[in-house]
Amino acid sequence: MFIWTGKERVTLKRAIEKYGERHQSLKLAEELGELQQALMKFMEYPEEPDRPIGLDELLERRDHLAEEIADVLIMLEQQVMMHDMGQNVALWKDIKMDRLREGL
């Protein structure tokens, strides 16, 4: 189940009201694409084999990945709120976690 602080709930609702459900759904798709790109960049080897990735670049990639994960989580929370599906998502999460646990 999703539990938001009062401040989070107000912020999520205001964003939905300001931008609209359709826009926020499209924004989720955009943010998912950005997360995919950040993950691929984080995992990729340097384009030049003789140039190792330095610690600063690795930390920058890690930070960018964290930022994109946060964006996606916020947009997902808006979807849950817009469609009032917190209990349904929680149920599916439990089912999926059980399956994962069984495979370990």
N, C-alpha and C. Protein backbone atom coordinates (compact mmCIF):
# COMPACT_ATOMS: atom_id res chain seq x y z
N MET A 1 0.83 -1.18 0.00
CA MET A 1 0.00 0.00 0.00
C MET A 1 0.89 1.25 0.00
N PHE A 2 0.42 2.28 -0.62
CA PHE A 2 1.18 3.51 -0.70
C PHE A 2 0.80 4.43 0.44
N ILE A 3 1.81 4.89 1.14
CA ILE A 3 1.58 5.80 2.25
C ILE A 3 2.39 7.07 1.97
N TRP A 4 1.68 8.16 1.79
CA TRP A 4 2.33 9.44 1.53
C TRP A 4 2.17 10.33 2.74
N THR A 5 3.16 11.17 2.97
CA THR A 5 3.00 12.19 4.00
C THR A 5 1.96 13.18 3.49
N GLY A 6 1.43 14.00 4.37
CA GLY A 6 0.46 15.01 3.95
C GLY A 6 1.04 15.92 2.88
N LYS A 7 2.30 16.31 3.05
CA LYS A 7 2.97 17.19 2.10
C LYS A 7 3.13 16.51 0.73
N GLU A 8 3.50 15.23 0.74
CA GLU A 8 3.65 14.48 -0.52
C GLU A 8 2.30 14.36 -1.23
N ARG A 9 1.27 14.02 -0.47
CA ARG A 9 -0.07 13.86 -1.06
C ARG A 9 -0.53 15.15 -1.74
N VAL A 10 -0.35 16.26 -1.04
CA VAL A 10 -0.75 17.57 -1.59
C VAL A 10 0.04 17.87 -2.86
N THR A 11 1.35 17.64 -2.81
CA THR A 11 2.20 17.93 -3.96
C THR A 11 1.82 17.08 -5.17
N LEU A 12 1.61 15.79 -4.95
CA LEU A 12 1.24 14.89 -6.06
C LEU A 12 -0.11 15.30 -6.65
N LYS A 13 -1.08 15.59 -5.79
CA LYS A 13 -2.40 16.00 -6.27
C LYS A 13 -2.33 17.31 -7.05
N ARG A 14 -1.56 18.25 -6.54
CA ARG A 14 -1.44 19.55 -7.22
C ARG A 14 -0.78 19.40 -8.59
N ALA A 15 0.20 18.53 -8.69
CA ALA A 15 0.86 18.30 -9.98
C ALA A 15 -0.14 17.69 -10.97
N ILE A 16 -0.94 16.74 -10.51
CA ILE A 16 -1.95 16.10 -11.37
C ILE A 16 -2.96 17.15 -11.83
N GLU A 17 -3.42 17.97 -10.90
CA GLU A 17 -4.40 19.01 -11.24
C GLU A 17 -3.81 20.05 -12.19
N LYS A 18 -2.58 20.43 -11.96
CA LYS A 18 -1.96 21.47 -12.78
C LYS A 18 -1.68 20.99 -14.20
N TYR A 19 -1.11 19.80 -14.34
CA TYR A 19 -0.67 19.34 -15.65
C TYR A 19 -1.68 18.42 -16.34
N GLY A 20 -2.56 17.79 -15.56
CA GLY A 20 -3.56 16.89 -16.12
C GLY A 20 -3.08 15.44 -16.16
N GLU A 21 -4.04 14.55 -16.09
CA GLU A 21 -3.71 13.12 -16.04
C GLU A 21 -3.02 12.64 -17.31
N ARG A 22 -3.52 13.07 -18.46
CA ARG A 22 -2.92 12.62 -19.72
C ARG A 22 -1.46 13.06 -19.81
N HIS A 23 -1.19 14.32 -19.50
CA HIS A 23 0.17 14.83 -19.55
C HIS A 23 1.07 14.05 -18.60
N GLN A 24 0.60 13.79 -17.40
CA GLN A 24 1.42 13.09 -16.42
C GLN A 24 1.67 11.65 -16.85
N SER A 25 0.71 11.05 -17.53
CA SER A 25 0.93 9.69 -18.05
C SER A 25 1.99 9.70 -19.14
N LEU A 26 1.92 10.69 -20.02
CA LEU A 26 2.94 10.81 -21.07
C LEU A 26 4.30 11.14 -20.45
N LYS A 27 4.29 11.93 -19.41
CA LYS A 27 5.53 12.29 -18.72
C LYS A 27 6.17 11.05 -18.09
N LEU A 28 5.34 10.14 -17.58
CA LEU A 28 5.87 8.90 -17.03
C LEU A 28 6.62 8.13 -18.12
N ALA A 29 6.02 8.03 -19.31
CA ALA A 29 6.68 7.32 -20.41
C ALA A 29 8.03 7.98 -20.73
N GLU A 30 8.04 9.30 -20.74
CA GLU A 30 9.29 10.04 -21.00
C GLU A 30 10.33 9.75 -19.93
N GLU A 31 9.90 9.79 -18.68
CA GLU A 31 10.83 9.55 -17.57
C GLU A 31 11.35 8.11 -17.59
N LEU A 32 10.51 7.16 -17.99
CA LEU A 32 10.97 5.77 -18.10
C LEU A 32 12.07 5.65 -19.15
N GLY A 33 11.92 6.37 -20.25
CA GLY A 33 12.95 6.38 -21.28
C GLY A 33 14.25 6.97 -20.77
N GLU A 34 14.14 8.04 -20.00
CA GLU A 34 15.34 8.67 -19.44
C GLU A 34 16.02 7.74 -18.43
N LEU A 35 15.22 7.00 -17.67
CA LEU A 35 15.78 6.03 -16.73
C LEU A 35 16.52 4.92 -17.49
N GLN A 36 15.91 4.47 -18.56
CA GLN A 36 16.55 3.43 -19.36
C GLN A 36 17.91 3.92 -19.88
N GLN A 37 17.94 5.14 -20.39
CA GLN A 37 19.20 5.70 -20.90
C GLN A 37 20.24 5.83 -19.79
N ALA A 38 19.82 6.30 -18.63
CA ALA A 38 20.75 6.47 -17.50
C ALA A 38 21.30 5.12 -17.05
N LEU A 39 20.46 4.11 -17.04
CA LEU A 39 20.90 2.77 -16.63
C LEU A 39 21.90 2.22 -17.64
N MET A 40 21.61 2.38 -18.93
CA MET A 40 22.52 1.90 -19.95
C MET A 40 23.86 2.64 -19.86
N LYS A 41 23.82 3.93 -19.63
CA LYS A 41 25.05 4.72 -19.50
C LYS A 41 25.83 4.27 -18.27
N PHE A 42 25.14 4.00 -17.18
CA PHE A 42 25.79 3.56 -15.95
C PHE A 42 26.49 2.22 -16.15
N MET A 43 25.86 1.35 -16.93
CA MET A 43 26.39 0.00 -17.11
C MET A 43 27.40 -0.13 -18.25
N GLU A 44 27.44 0.83 -19.17
CA GLU A 44 28.27 0.67 -20.36
C GLU A 44 29.76 0.82 -20.07
N TYR A 45 30.50 0.22 -20.94
CA TYR A 45 31.95 0.37 -20.90
C TYR A 45 32.31 1.66 -21.61
N PRO A 46 33.49 2.17 -21.36
CA PRO A 46 33.87 3.40 -22.05
C PRO A 46 33.91 3.16 -23.56
N GLU A 47 33.54 4.19 -24.31
CA GLU A 47 33.53 4.08 -25.76
C GLU A 47 34.93 3.87 -26.30
N GLU A 48 35.93 4.39 -25.60
CA GLU A 48 37.31 4.21 -26.00
C GLU A 48 37.95 3.20 -25.06
N PRO A 49 38.29 2.01 -25.59
CA PRO A 49 38.81 0.95 -24.71
C PRO A 49 40.06 1.35 -23.93
N ASP A 50 40.85 2.27 -24.46
CA ASP A 50 42.08 2.65 -23.76
C ASP A 50 41.84 3.76 -22.73
N ARG A 51 40.57 4.18 -22.56
CA ARG A 51 40.24 5.23 -21.61
C ARG A 51 39.35 4.67 -20.50
N PRO A 52 39.93 4.30 -19.38
CA PRO A 52 39.08 3.76 -18.30
C PRO A 52 38.18 4.85 -17.71
N ILE A 53 37.07 4.41 -17.16
CA ILE A 53 36.14 5.34 -16.51
C ILE A 53 36.74 5.75 -15.17
N GLY A 54 36.84 7.05 -14.95
CA GLY A 54 37.37 7.55 -13.69
C GLY A 54 36.30 7.54 -12.61
N LEU A 55 36.74 7.65 -11.38
CA LEU A 55 35.83 7.64 -10.25
C LEU A 55 34.81 8.77 -10.34
N ASP A 56 35.24 9.96 -10.73
CA ASP A 56 34.32 11.09 -10.84
C ASP A 56 33.21 10.81 -11.85
N GLU A 57 33.59 10.23 -12.99
CA GLU A 57 32.58 9.92 -14.01
C GLU A 57 31.63 8.83 -13.51
N LEU A 58 32.18 7.83 -12.84
CA LEU A 58 31.33 6.76 -12.30
C LEU A 58 30.35 7.31 -11.28
N LEU A 59 30.81 8.20 -10.40
CA LEU A 59 29.93 8.80 -9.40
C LEU A 59 28.87 9.70 -10.05
N GLU A 60 29.26 10.38 -11.11
CA GLU A 60 28.31 11.22 -11.84
C GLU A 60 27.22 10.35 -12.48
N ARG A 61 27.62 9.25 -13.07
CA ARG A 61 26.65 8.33 -13.68
C ARG A 61 25.71 7.75 -12.62
N ARG A 62 26.29 7.41 -11.47
CA ARG A 62 25.49 6.85 -10.38
C ARG A 62 24.47 7.87 -9.88
N ASP A 63 24.90 9.10 -9.73
CA ASP A 63 24.01 10.17 -9.27
C ASP A 63 22.90 10.42 -10.29
N HIS A 64 23.25 10.40 -11.57
CA HIS A 64 22.24 10.60 -12.61
C HIS A 64 21.23 9.46 -12.60
N LEU A 65 21.70 8.23 -12.40
CA LEU A 65 20.79 7.09 -12.30
C LEU A 65 19.84 7.27 -11.11
N ALA A 66 20.36 7.69 -9.98
CA ALA A 66 19.53 7.91 -8.79
C ALA A 66 18.47 8.98 -9.06
N GLU A 67 18.87 10.06 -9.75
CA GLU A 67 17.93 11.13 -10.08
C GLU A 67 16.80 10.61 -10.97
N GLU A 68 17.14 9.81 -11.97
CA GLU A 68 16.11 9.29 -12.88
C GLU A 68 15.20 8.29 -12.18
N ILE A 69 15.76 7.50 -11.26
CA ILE A 69 14.92 6.59 -10.47
C ILE A 69 13.92 7.40 -9.65
N ALA A 70 14.37 8.49 -9.03
CA ALA A 70 13.47 9.34 -8.25
C ALA A 70 12.36 9.92 -9.12
N ASP A 71 12.71 10.39 -10.33
CA ASP A 71 11.70 10.92 -11.23
C ASP A 71 10.63 9.88 -11.56
N VAL A 72 11.08 8.66 -11.86
CA VAL A 72 10.14 7.60 -12.21
C VAL A 72 9.27 7.23 -11.02
N LEU A 73 9.85 7.14 -9.84
CA LEU A 73 9.05 6.81 -8.65
C LEU A 73 7.96 7.85 -8.41
N ILE A 74 8.29 9.12 -8.57
CA ILE A 74 7.30 10.18 -8.39
C ILE A 74 6.18 10.05 -9.41
N MET A 75 6.55 9.81 -10.66
CA MET A 75 5.53 9.69 -11.71
C MET A 75 4.68 8.43 -11.50
N LEU A 76 5.28 7.35 -11.03
CA LEU A 76 4.52 6.14 -10.73
C LEU A 76 3.54 6.39 -9.59
N GLU A 77 3.98 7.11 -8.58
CA GLU A 77 3.09 7.43 -7.47
C GLU A 77 1.90 8.25 -7.94
N GLN A 78 2.12 9.15 -8.89
CA GLN A 78 1.00 9.92 -9.45
C GLN A 78 0.02 8.99 -10.18
N GLN A 79 0.54 8.00 -10.89
CA GLN A 79 -0.34 7.06 -11.58
C GLN A 79 -1.20 6.29 -10.58
N VAL A 80 -0.55 5.84 -9.51
CA VAL A 80 -1.28 5.11 -8.47
C VAL A 80 -2.38 6.00 -7.90
N MET A 81 -2.06 7.24 -7.63
CA MET A 81 -3.03 8.17 -7.07
C MET A 81 -4.15 8.48 -8.06
N MET A 82 -3.79 8.75 -9.32
CA MET A 82 -4.78 9.13 -10.33
C MET A 82 -5.82 8.03 -10.54
N HIS A 83 -5.35 6.79 -10.48
CA HIS A 83 -6.25 5.66 -10.78
C HIS A 83 -6.71 4.92 -9.53
N ASP A 84 -6.39 5.47 -8.36
CA ASP A 84 -6.79 4.89 -7.08
C ASP A 84 -6.51 3.39 -7.07
N MET A 85 -5.27 3.04 -7.33
CA MET A 85 -4.94 1.62 -7.43
C MET A 85 -3.87 1.17 -6.44
N GLY A 86 -3.75 1.87 -5.33
CA GLY A 86 -2.76 1.52 -4.33
C GLY A 86 -2.89 0.09 -3.83
N GLN A 87 -4.10 -0.33 -3.51
CA GLN A 87 -4.30 -1.69 -2.99
C GLN A 87 -4.01 -2.73 -4.06
N ASN A 88 -4.43 -2.44 -5.29
CA ASN A 88 -4.20 -3.38 -6.39
C ASN A 88 -2.72 -3.53 -6.68
N VAL A 89 -1.99 -2.42 -6.70
CA VAL A 89 -0.54 -2.47 -6.93
C VAL A 89 0.13 -3.22 -5.78
N ALA A 90 -0.28 -2.97 -4.57
CA ALA A 90 0.30 -3.66 -3.41
C ALA A 90 0.07 -5.16 -3.51
N LEU A 91 -1.13 -5.55 -3.94
CA LEU A 91 -1.43 -6.98 -4.11
C LEU A 91 -0.51 -7.60 -5.14
N TRP A 92 -0.38 -6.94 -6.29
CA TRP A 92 0.49 -7.46 -7.35
C TRP A 92 1.95 -7.49 -6.92
N LYS A 93 2.35 -6.50 -6.16
CA LYS A 93 3.73 -6.48 -5.67
C LYS A 93 3.98 -7.68 -4.76
N ASP A 94 3.02 -7.98 -3.88
CA ASP A 94 3.15 -9.15 -3.00
C ASP A 94 3.25 -10.43 -3.81
N ILE A 95 2.41 -10.56 -4.83
CA ILE A 95 2.44 -11.76 -5.69
C ILE A 95 3.79 -11.89 -6.37
N LYS A 96 4.27 -10.78 -6.93
CA LYS A 96 5.54 -10.81 -7.64
C LYS A 96 6.71 -11.08 -6.68
N MET A 97 6.65 -10.53 -5.47
CA MET A 97 7.70 -10.79 -4.49
C MET A 97 7.70 -12.26 -4.08
N ASP A 98 6.51 -12.85 -3.93
CA ASP A 98 6.43 -14.27 -3.61
C ASP A 98 7.07 -15.11 -4.71
N ARG A 99 6.77 -14.78 -5.97
CA ARG A 99 7.37 -15.50 -7.09
C ARG A 99 8.88 -15.36 -7.10
N LEU A 100 9.35 -14.16 -6.85
CA LEU A 100 10.78 -13.92 -6.79
C LEU A 100 11.43 -14.74 -5.69
N ARG A 101 10.79 -14.74 -4.51
CA ARG A 101 11.29 -15.48 -3.36
C ARG A 101 11.38 -16.96 -3.67
N GLU A 102 10.35 -17.49 -4.37
CA GLU A 102 10.33 -18.91 -4.72
C GLU A 102 11.47 -19.27 -5.66
N GLY A 103 11.88 -18.34 -6.48
CA GLY A 103 12.95 -18.61 -7.44
C GLY A 103 14.35 -18.51 -6.87
N LEU A 104 14.45 -18.07 -5.63
CA LEU A 104 15.78 -17.90 -5.02
C LEU A 104 16.26 -19.15 -4.33
